Amino acid sequence: MSAVFEGAVMTAEGMLYNGVICQPVVEKCEGCERSKQFEGQNYCGSYAQPQSKWALGVCNFATHVKASVDKTGKVKINPLKASKRAAKGR
């Protein structure tokens, strides 16, 4: 048994871990460092339903995906985070 999912139990709905049903990772999660194996299937160690994290674009927990680049060649930054960084002087 994996130390990451210690105490987990397989049920008909999926893997039951700490009272939460976890679904197996989707194809887009392949290569992510957060993906751990339990009883022959891979599960995300950070999120119970990986498919829903990819529904609106890139999963924010994905370790294998690089930041996107816009048409001008600059990396897209969240405007709220950029303003907070500017206020801190970074």
PDB file of N, CA and C in Angstrom:
ATOM      1  N   MET A   1       0.841  -1.179   0.000  1.00  0.00           N
ATOM      2  CA  MET A   1       0.000   0.000   0.000  1.00  0.00           C
ATOM      3  C   MET A   1       0.886   1.241   0.000  1.00  0.00           C
ATOM      4  N   SER A   2       0.483   2.252  -0.722  1.00  0.00           N
ATOM      5  CA  SER A   2       1.242   3.486  -0.827  1.00  0.00           C
ATOM      6  C   SER A   2       1.146   4.291   0.469  1.00  0.00           C
ATOM      7  N   ALA A   3       2.253   4.902   0.866  1.00  0.00           N
ATOM      8  CA  ALA A   3       2.256   5.722   2.073  1.00  0.00           C
ATOM      9  C   ALA A   3       1.450   7.001   1.876  1.00  0.00           C
ATOM     10  N   VAL A   4       1.307   7.436   0.621  1.00  0.00           N
ATOM     11  CA  VAL A   4       0.544   8.653   0.333  1.00  0.00           C
ATOM     12  C   VAL A   4      -0.927   8.447   0.659  1.00  0.00           C
ATOM     13  N   PHE A   5      -1.465   7.305   0.307  1.00  0.00           N
ATOM     14  CA  PHE A   5      -2.882   7.014   0.521  1.00  0.00           C
ATOM     15  C   PHE A   5      -3.067   5.982   1.625  1.00  0.00           C
ATOM     16  N   GLU A   6      -2.366   6.137   2.722  1.00  0.00           N
ATOM     17  CA  GLU A   6      -2.468   5.189   3.824  1.00  0.00           C
ATOM     18  C   GLU A   6      -3.863   5.259   4.438  1.00  0.00           C
ATOM     19  N   GLY A   7      -4.499   4.121   4.574  1.00  0.00           N
ATOM     20  CA  GLY A   7      -5.844   4.053   5.123  1.00  0.00           C
ATOM     21  C   GLY A   7      -6.921   4.143   4.057  1.00  0.00           C
ATOM     22  N   ALA A   8      -6.537   4.233   2.791  1.00  0.00           N
ATOM     23  CA  ALA A   8      -7.508   4.315   1.699  1.00  0.00           C
ATOM     24  C   ALA A   8      -8.117   2.943   1.429  1.00  0.00           C
ATOM     25  N   VAL A   9      -9.373   2.947   0.959  1.00  0.00           N
ATOM     26  CA  VAL A   9     -10.108   1.721   0.679  1.00  0.00           C
ATOM     27  C   VAL A   9     -10.772   1.873  -0.691  1.00  0.00           C
ATOM     28  N   MET A  10     -10.731   0.806  -1.484  1.00  0.00           N
ATOM     29  CA  MET A  10     -11.402   0.827  -2.785  1.00  0.00           C
ATOM     30  C   MET A  10     -12.883   0.504  -2.597  1.00  0.00           C
ATOM     31  N   THR A  11     -13.746   1.302  -3.230  1.00  0.00           N
ATOM     32  CA  THR A  11     -15.191   1.075  -3.205  1.00  0.00           C
ATOM     33  C   THR A  11     -15.674   1.021  -4.651  1.00  0.00           C
ATOM     34  N   ALA A  12     -16.962   0.793  -4.841  1.00  0.00           N
ATOM     35  CA  ALA A  12     -17.526   0.754  -6.190  1.00  0.00           C
ATOM     36  C   ALA A  12     -17.461   2.125  -6.862  1.00  0.00           C
ATOM     37  N   GLU A  13     -17.532   3.217  -6.087  1.00  0.00           N
ATOM     38  CA  GLU A  13     -17.498   4.569  -6.650  1.00  0.00           C
ATOM     39  C   GLU A  13     -16.088   5.034  -6.979  1.00  0.00           C
ATOM     40  N   GLY A  14     -15.094   4.493  -6.299  1.00  0.00           N
ATOM     41  CA  GLY A  14     -13.698   4.890  -6.474  1.00  0.00           C
ATOM     42  C   GLY A  14     -12.931   4.635  -5.194  1.00  0.00           C
ATOM     43  N   MET A  15     -11.813   5.329  -5.028  1.00  0.00           N
ATOM     44  CA  MET A  15     -11.000   5.168  -3.837  1.00  0.00           C
ATOM     45  C   MET A  15     -11.531   6.080  -2.732  1.00  0.00           C
ATOM     46  N   LEU A  16     -11.808   5.505  -1.574  1.00  0.00           N
ATOM     47  CA  LEU A  16     -12.276   6.265  -0.419  1.00  0.00           C
ATOM     48  C   LEU A  16     -11.068   6.591   0.441  1.00  0.00           C
ATOM     49  N   TYR A  17     -10.784   7.897   0.574  1.00  0.00           N
ATOM     50  CA  TYR A  17      -9.621   8.349   1.332  1.00  0.00           C
ATOM     51  C   TYR A  17     -10.031   9.528   2.206  1.00  0.00           C
ATOM     52  N   ASN A  18      -9.916   9.385   3.496  1.00  0.00           N
ATOM     53  CA  ASN A  18     -10.303  10.424   4.471  1.00  0.00           C
ATOM     54  C   ASN A  18     -11.737  10.889   4.269  1.00  0.00           C
ATOM     55  N   GLY A  19     -12.636   9.983   3.953  1.00  0.00           N
ATOM     56  CA  GLY A  19     -14.039  10.316   3.793  1.00  0.00           C
ATOM     57  C   GLY A  19     -14.395  10.934   2.454  1.00  0.00           C
ATOM     58  N   VAL A  20     -13.462  10.976   1.514  1.00  0.00           N
ATOM     59  CA  VAL A  20     -13.684  11.571   0.198  1.00  0.00           C
ATOM     60  C   VAL A  20     -13.475  10.503  -0.869  1.00  0.00           C
ATOM     61  N   ILE A  21     -14.389  10.446  -1.841  1.00  0.00           N
ATOM     62  CA  ILE A  21     -14.242   9.517  -2.962  1.00  0.00           C
ATOM     63  C   ILE A  21     -13.327  10.160  -4.001  1.00  0.00           C
ATOM     64  N   CYS A  22     -12.214   9.514  -4.294  1.00  0.00           N
ATOM     65  CA  CYS A  22     -11.253  10.025  -5.275  1.00  0.00           C
ATOM     66  C   CYS A  22     -11.410   9.277  -6.587  1.00  0.00           C
ATOM     67  N   GLN A  23     -11.390  10.018  -7.690  1.00  0.00           N
ATOM     68  CA  GLN A  23     -11.480   9.454  -9.027  1.00  0.00           C
ATOM     69  C   GLN A  23     -10.076   9.295  -9.603  1.00  0.00           C
ATOM     70  N   PRO A  24      -9.869   8.320 -10.495  1.00  0.00           N
ATOM     71  CA  PRO A  24      -8.551   8.163 -11.124  1.00  0.00           C
ATOM     72  C   PRO A  24      -8.192   9.388 -11.963  1.00  0.00           C
ATOM     73  N   VAL A  25      -6.895   9.593 -12.167  1.00  0.00           N
ATOM     74  CA  VAL A  25      -6.442  10.725 -12.970  1.00  0.00           C
ATOM     75  C   VAL A  25      -6.861  10.539 -14.426  1.00  0.00           C
ATOM     76  N   VAL A  26      -6.948  11.645 -15.149  1.00  0.00           N
ATOM     77  CA  VAL A  26      -7.297  11.616 -16.562  1.00  0.00           C
ATOM     78  C   VAL A  26      -6.016  11.609 -17.390  1.00  0.00           C
ATOM     79  N   GLU A  27      -6.155  11.464 -18.688  1.00  0.00           N
ATOM     80  CA  GLU A  27      -5.013  11.366 -19.592  1.00  0.00           C
ATOM     81  C   GLU A  27      -4.125  12.620 -19.526  1.00  0.00           C
ATOM     82  N   LYS A  28      -4.723  13.771 -19.320  1.00  0.00           N
ATOM     83  CA  LYS A  28      -3.965  15.026 -19.264  1.00  0.00           C
ATOM     84  C   LYS A  28      -3.058  15.094 -18.040  1.00  0.00           C
ATOM     85  N   CYS A  29      -3.325  14.272 -17.038  1.00  0.00           N
ATOM     86  CA  CYS A  29      -2.528  14.270 -15.807  1.00  0.00           C
ATOM     87  C   CYS A  29      -1.253  13.432 -15.933  1.00  0.00           C
ATOM     88  N   GLU A  30      -1.121  12.674 -17.010  1.00  0.00           N
ATOM     89  CA  GLU A  30       0.051  11.809 -17.166  1.00  0.00           C
ATOM     90  C   GLU A  30       1.327  12.656 -17.160  1.00  0.00           C
ATOM     91  N   GLY A  31       2.277  12.283 -16.314  1.00  0.00           N
ATOM     92  CA  GLY A  31       3.530  13.004 -16.194  1.00  0.00           C
ATOM     93  C   GLY A  31       3.575  13.951 -15.007  1.00  0.00           C
ATOM     94  N   CYS A  32       2.461  14.150 -14.336  1.00  0.00           N
ATOM     95  CA  CYS A  32       2.408  15.045 -13.180  1.00  0.00           C
ATOM     96  C   CYS A  32       3.042  14.355 -11.970  1.00  0.00           C
ATOM     97  N   GLU A  33       3.803  15.112 -11.196  1.00  0.00           N
ATOM     98  CA  GLU A  33       4.463  14.555 -10.012  1.00  0.00           C
ATOM     99  C   GLU A  33       3.488  14.270  -8.877  1.00  0.00           C
ATOM    100  N   ARG A  34       2.298  14.864  -8.913  1.00  0.00           N
ATOM    101  CA  ARG A  34       1.312  14.659  -7.851  1.00  0.00           C
ATOM    102  C   ARG A  34       0.534  13.355  -8.027  1.00  0.00           C
ATOM    103  N   SER A  35       0.656  12.733  -9.179  1.00  0.00           N
ATOM    104  CA  SER A  35      -0.051  11.493  -9.469  1.00  0.00           C
ATOM    105  C   SER A  35       0.647  10.329  -8.771  1.00  0.00           C
ATOM    106  N   LYS A  36      -0.098   9.612  -7.943  1.00  0.00           N
ATOM    107  CA  LYS A  36       0.443   8.469  -7.192  1.00  0.00           C
ATOM    108  C   LYS A  36      -0.395   7.230  -7.476  1.00  0.00           C
ATOM    109  N   GLN A  37       0.244   6.070  -7.423  1.00  0.00           N
ATOM    110  CA  GLN A  37      -0.440   4.822  -7.740  1.00  0.00           C
ATOM    111  C   GLN A  37      -1.016   4.175  -6.484  1.00  0.00           C
ATOM    112  N   PHE A  38      -2.243   3.648  -6.628  1.00  0.00           N
ATOM    113  CA  PHE A  38      -2.899   2.906  -5.554  1.00  0.00           C
ATOM    114  C   PHE A  38      -3.678   1.775  -6.189  1.00  0.00           C
ATOM    115  N   GLU A  39      -3.338   0.558  -5.849  1.00  0.00           N
ATOM    116  CA  GLU A  39      -3.985  -0.654  -6.352  1.00  0.00           C
ATOM    117  C   GLU A  39      -4.118  -0.666  -7.870  1.00  0.00           C
ATOM    118  N   GLY A  40      -3.024  -0.345  -8.559  1.00  0.00           N
ATOM    119  CA  GLY A  40      -2.985  -0.465 -10.006  1.00  0.00           C
ATOM    120  C   GLY A  40      -3.505   0.731 -10.780  1.00  0.00           C
ATOM    121  N   GLN A  41      -4.031   1.754 -10.117  1.00  0.00           N
ATOM    122  CA  GLN A  41      -4.504   2.953 -10.804  1.00  0.00           C
ATOM    123  C   GLN A  41      -3.839   4.180 -10.208  1.00  0.00           C
ATOM    124  N   ASN A  42      -3.730   5.232 -11.013  1.00  0.00           N
ATOM    125  CA  ASN A  42      -3.133   6.478 -10.541  1.00  0.00           C
ATOM    126  C   ASN A  42      -4.209   7.425 -10.036  1.00  0.00           C
ATOM    127  N   TYR A  43      -3.913   8.076  -8.913  1.00  0.00           N
ATOM    128  CA  TYR A  43      -4.808   9.044  -8.304  1.00  0.00           C
ATOM    129  C   TYR A  43      -4.015  10.300  -7.981  1.00  0.00           C
ATOM    130  N   CYS A  44      -4.684  11.437  -8.016  1.00  0.00           N
ATOM    131  CA  CYS A  44      -4.039  12.706  -7.694  1.00  0.00           C
ATOM    132  C   CYS A  44      -3.929  12.830  -6.170  1.00  0.00           C
ATOM    133  N   GLY A  45      -2.759  13.190  -5.693  1.00  0.00           N
ATOM    134  CA  GLY A  45      -2.554  13.378  -4.269  1.00  0.00           C
ATOM    135  C   GLY A  45      -3.060  14.717  -3.762  1.00  0.00           C
ATOM    136  N   SER A  46      -3.476  15.601  -4.683  1.00  0.00           N
ATOM    137  CA  SER A  46      -3.909  16.943  -4.298  1.00  0.00           C
ATOM    138  C   SER A  46      -5.396  17.204  -4.491  1.00  0.00           C
ATOM    139  N   TYR A  47      -6.033  16.497  -5.421  1.00  0.00           N
ATOM    140  CA  TYR A  47      -7.418  16.806  -5.745  1.00  0.00           C
ATOM    141  C   TYR A  47      -8.191  15.524  -6.009  1.00  0.00           C
ATOM    142  N   ALA A  48      -9.400  15.423  -5.499  1.00  0.00           N
ATOM    143  CA  ALA A  48     -10.186  14.188  -5.578  1.00  0.00           C
ATOM    144  C   ALA A  48     -10.765  13.923  -6.963  1.00  0.00           C
ATOM    145  N   GLN A  49     -11.100  14.962  -7.717  1.00  0.00           N
ATOM    146  CA  GLN A  49     -11.708  14.797  -9.035  1.00  0.00           C
ATOM    147  C   GLN A  49     -10.881  15.527 -10.085  1.00  0.00           C
ATOM    148  N   PRO A  50      -9.807  14.908 -10.557  1.00  0.00           N
ATOM    149  CA  PRO A  50      -8.891  15.567 -11.488  1.00  0.00           C
ATOM    150  C   PRO A  50      -9.556  16.029 -12.791  1.00  0.00           C
ATOM    151  N   GLN A  51     -10.561  15.323 -13.253  1.00  0.00           N
ATOM    152  CA  GLN A  51     -11.203  15.685 -14.510  1.00  0.00           C
ATOM    153  C   GLN A  51     -11.811  17.093 -14.435  1.00  0.00           C
ATOM    154  N   SER A  52     -12.372  17.457 -13.302  1.00  0.00           N
ATOM    155  CA  SER A  52     -12.989  18.777 -13.169  1.00  0.00           C
ATOM    156  C   SER A  52     -11.946  19.896 -13.107  1.00  0.00           C
ATOM    157  N   LYS A  53     -10.715  19.593 -12.691  1.00  0.00           N
ATOM    158  CA  LYS A  53      -9.662  20.610 -12.673  1.00  0.00           C
ATOM    159  C   LYS A  53      -9.234  20.990 -14.087  1.00  0.00           C
ATOM    160  N   TRP A  54      -9.396  20.087 -15.045  1.00  0.00           N
ATOM    161  CA  TRP A  54      -9.011  20.334 -16.431  1.00  0.00           C
ATOM    162  C   TRP A  54     -10.172  20.897 -17.253  1.00  0.00           C
ATOM    163  N   ALA A  55     -11.359  21.013 -16.684  1.00  0.00           N
ATOM    164  CA  ALA A  55     -12.543  21.426 -17.441  1.00  0.00           C
ATOM    165  C   ALA A  55     -12.427  22.844 -17.996  1.00  0.00           C
ATOM    166  N   LEU A  56     -11.811  23.749 -17.268  1.00  0.00           N
ATOM    167  CA  LEU A  56     -11.722  25.142 -17.714  1.00  0.00           C
ATOM    168  C   LEU A  56     -10.362  25.516 -18.291  1.00  0.00           C
ATOM    169  N   GLY A  57      -9.539  24.549 -18.561  1.00  0.00           N
ATOM    170  CA  GLY A  57      -8.205  24.813 -19.106  1.00  0.00           C
ATOM    171  C   GLY A  57      -7.186  23.926 -18.417  1.00  0.00           C
ATOM    172  N   VAL A  58      -6.080  24.519 -18.009  1.00  0.00           N
ATOM    173  CA  VAL A  58      -4.995  23.774 -17.388  1.00  0.00           C
ATOM    174  C   VAL A  58      -5.226  23.655 -15.887  1.00  0.00           C
ATOM    175  N   CYS A  59      -4.974  22.476 -15.347  1.00  0.00           N
ATOM    176  CA  CYS A  59      -5.075  22.241 -13.905  1.00  0.00           C
ATOM    177  C   CYS A  59      -4.016  23.070 -13.190  1.00  0.00           C
ATOM    178  N   ASN A  60      -4.407  23.787 -12.147  1.00  0.00           N
ATOM    179  CA  ASN A  60      -3.449  24.625 -11.429  1.00  0.00           C
ATOM    180  C   ASN A  60      -2.494  23.815 -10.551  1.00  0.00           C
ATOM    181  N   PHE A  61      -2.757  22.533 -10.356  1.00  0.00           N
ATOM    182  CA  PHE A  61      -1.847  21.677  -9.595  1.00  0.00           C
ATOM    183  C   PHE A  61      -0.842  20.967 -10.495  1.00  0.00           C
ATOM    184  N   ALA A  62      -0.998  21.038 -11.810  1.00  0.00           N
ATOM    185  CA  ALA A  62      -0.164  20.292 -12.756  1.00  0.00           C
ATOM    186  C   ALA A  62       1.291  20.738 -12.664  1.00  0.00           C
ATOM    187  N   THR A  63       2.180  19.773 -12.445  1.00  0.00           N
ATOM    188  CA  THR A  63       3.605  20.079 -12.360  1.00  0.00           C
ATOM    189  C   THR A  63       4.294  19.884 -13.704  1.00  0.00           C
ATOM    190  N   HIS A  64       3.615  19.313 -14.667  1.00  0.00           N
ATOM    191  CA  HIS A  64       4.223  19.003 -15.961  1.00  0.00           C
ATOM    192  C   HIS A  64       3.820  19.968 -17.069  1.00  0.00           C
ATOM    193  N   VAL A  65       3.068  21.024 -16.744  1.00  0.00           N
ATOM    194  CA  VAL A  65       2.600  21.987 -17.735  1.00  0.00           C
ATOM    195  C   VAL A  65       3.289  23.325 -17.475  1.00  0.00           C
ATOM    196  N   LYS A  66       3.830  23.913 -18.516  1.00  0.00           N
ATOM    197  CA  LYS A  66       4.512  25.203 -18.403  1.00  0.00           C
ATOM    198  C   LYS A  66       3.509  26.336 -18.582  1.00  0.00           C
ATOM    199  N   ALA A  67       3.871  27.525 -18.162  1.00  0.00           N
ATOM    200  CA  ALA A  67       3.019  28.705 -18.310  1.00  0.00           C
ATOM    201  C   ALA A  67       2.813  29.001 -19.789  1.00  0.00           C
ATOM    202  N   SER A  68       1.636  29.480 -20.132  1.00  0.00           N
ATOM    203  CA  SER A  68       1.340  29.774 -21.530  1.00  0.00           C
ATOM    204  C   SER A  68       1.929  31.125 -21.923  1.00  0.00           C
ATOM    205  N   VAL A  69       2.198  31.265 -23.212  1.00  0.00           N
ATOM    206  CA  VAL A  69       2.777  32.488 -23.744  1.00  0.00           C
ATOM    207  C   VAL A  69       1.774  33.102 -24.704  1.00  0.00           C
ATOM    208  N   ASP A  70       1.531  34.415 -24.572  1.00  0.00           N
ATOM    209  CA  ASP A  70       0.572  35.062 -25.465  1.00  0.00           C
ATOM    210  C   ASP A  70       1.239  35.433 -26.797  1.00  0.00           C
ATOM    211  N   LYS A  71       0.524  36.126 -27.674  1.00  0.00           N
ATOM    212  CA  LYS A  71       0.998  36.434 -29.023  1.00  0.00           C
ATOM    213  C   LYS A  71       2.205  37.360 -29.044  1.00  0.00           C
ATOM    214  N   THR A  72       2.367  38.174 -28.019  1.00  0.00           N
ATOM    215  CA  THR A  72       3.500  39.097 -27.990  1.00  0.00           C
ATOM    216  C   THR A  72       4.762  38.430 -27.453  1.00  0.00           C
ATOM    217  N   GLY A  73       4.656  37.196 -27.006  1.00  0.00           N
ATOM    218  CA  GLY A  73       5.817  36.472 -26.495  1.00  0.00           C
ATOM    219  C   GLY A  73       6.010  36.617 -25.003  1.00  0.00           C
ATOM    220  N   LYS A  74       5.077  37.272 -24.342  1.00  0.00           N
ATOM    221  CA  LYS A  74       5.187  37.449 -22.893  1.00  0.00           C
ATOM    222  C   LYS A  74       4.357  36.384 -22.179  1.00  0.00           C
ATOM    223  N   VAL A  75       4.805  35.999 -20.998  1.00  0.00           N
ATOM    224  CA  VAL A  75       4.087  35.017 -20.198  1.00  0.00           C
ATOM    225  C   VAL A  75       2.868  35.686 -19.585  1.00  0.00           C
ATOM    226  N   LYS A  76       1.726  35.023 -19.652  1.00  0.00           N
ATOM    227  CA  LYS A  76       0.507  35.567 -19.072  1.00  0.00           C
ATOM    228  C   LYS A  76       0.584  35.480 -17.554  1.00  0.00           C
ATOM    229  N   ILE A  77       0.263  36.587 -16.910  1.00  0.00           N
ATOM    230  CA  ILE A  77       0.265  36.646 -15.448  1.00  0.00           C
ATOM    231  C   ILE A  77      -1.102  37.124 -14.994  1.00  0.00           C
ATOM    232  N   ASN A  78      -1.592  36.521 -13.953  1.00  0.00           N
ATOM    233  CA  ASN A  78      -2.860  36.944 -13.368  1.00  0.00           C
ATOM    234  C   ASN A  78      -2.729  38.400 -12.925  1.00  0.00           C
ATOM    235  N   PRO A  79      -3.612  39.309 -13.396  1.00  0.00           N
ATOM    236  CA  PRO A  79      -3.487  40.728 -13.039  1.00  0.00           C
ATOM    237  C   PRO A  79      -3.561  41.002 -11.543  1.00  0.00           C
ATOM    238  N   LEU A  80      -4.349  40.218 -10.819  1.00  0.00           N
ATOM    239  CA  LEU A  80      -4.441  40.407  -9.380  1.00  0.00           C
ATOM    240  C   LEU A  80      -3.119  40.061  -8.709  1.00  0.00           C
ATOM    241  N   LYS A  81      -2.512  38.960  -9.121  1.00  0.00           N
ATOM    242  CA  LYS A  81      -1.215  38.578  -8.563  1.00  0.00           C
ATOM    243  C   LYS A  81      -0.143  39.602  -8.935  1.00  0.00           C
ATOM    244  N   ALA A  82      -0.208  40.113 -10.169  1.00  0.00           N
ATOM    245  CA  ALA A  82       0.786  41.105 -10.604  1.00  0.00           C
ATOM    246  C   ALA A  82       0.690  42.372  -9.773  1.00  0.00           C
ATOM    247  N   SER A  83      -0.527  42.816  -9.461  1.00  0.00           N
ATOM    248  CA  SER A  83      -0.666  44.026  -8.659  1.00  0.00           C
ATOM    249  C   SER A  83      -0.177  43.814  -7.235  1.00  0.00           C
ATOM    250  N   LYS A  84      -0.409  42.629  -6.699  1.00  0.00           N
ATOM    251  CA  LYS A  84       0.061  42.335  -5.350  1.00  0.00           C
ATOM    252  C   LYS A  84       1.585  42.270  -5.312  1.00  0.00           C
ATOM    253  N   ARG A  85       2.193  41.687  -6.346  1.00  0.00           N
ATOM    254  CA  ARG A  85       3.661  41.632  -6.420  1.00  0.00           C
ATOM    255  C   ARG A  85       4.248  43.038  -6.537  1.00  0.00           C
ATOM    256  N   ALA A  86       3.599  43.876  -7.339  1.00  0.00           N
ATOM    257  CA  ALA A  86       4.077  45.243  -7.512  1.00  0.00           C
ATOM    258  C   ALA A  86       3.994  46.018  -6.199  1.00  0.00           C
ATOM    259  N   ALA A  87       2.942  45.771  -5.440  1.00  0.00           N
ATOM    260  CA  ALA A  87       2.778  46.463  -4.156  1.00  0.00           C
ATOM    261  C   ALA A  87       3.854  46.047  -3.151  1.00  0.00           C
ATOM    262  N   LYS A  88       4.268  44.769  -3.239  1.00  0.00           N
ATOM    263  CA  LYS A  88       5.306  44.269  -2.330  1.00  0.00           C
ATOM    264  C   LYS A  88       6.706  44.700  -2.778  1.00  0.00           C
ATOM    265  N   GLY A  89       6.828  45.147  -4.031  1.00  0.00           N
ATOM    266  CA  GLY A  89       8.125  45.577  -4.536  1.00  0.00           C
ATOM    267  C   GLY A  89       8.929  44.479  -5.195  1.00  0.00           C
ATOM    268  N   ARG A  90       8.289  43.399  -5.619  1.00  0.00           N
ATOM    269  CA  ARG A  90       9.007  42.306  -6.298  1.00  0.00           C
ATOM    270  C   ARG A  90       9.207  42.612  -7.740  1.00  0.00           C
TER     271      ARG A  90
END
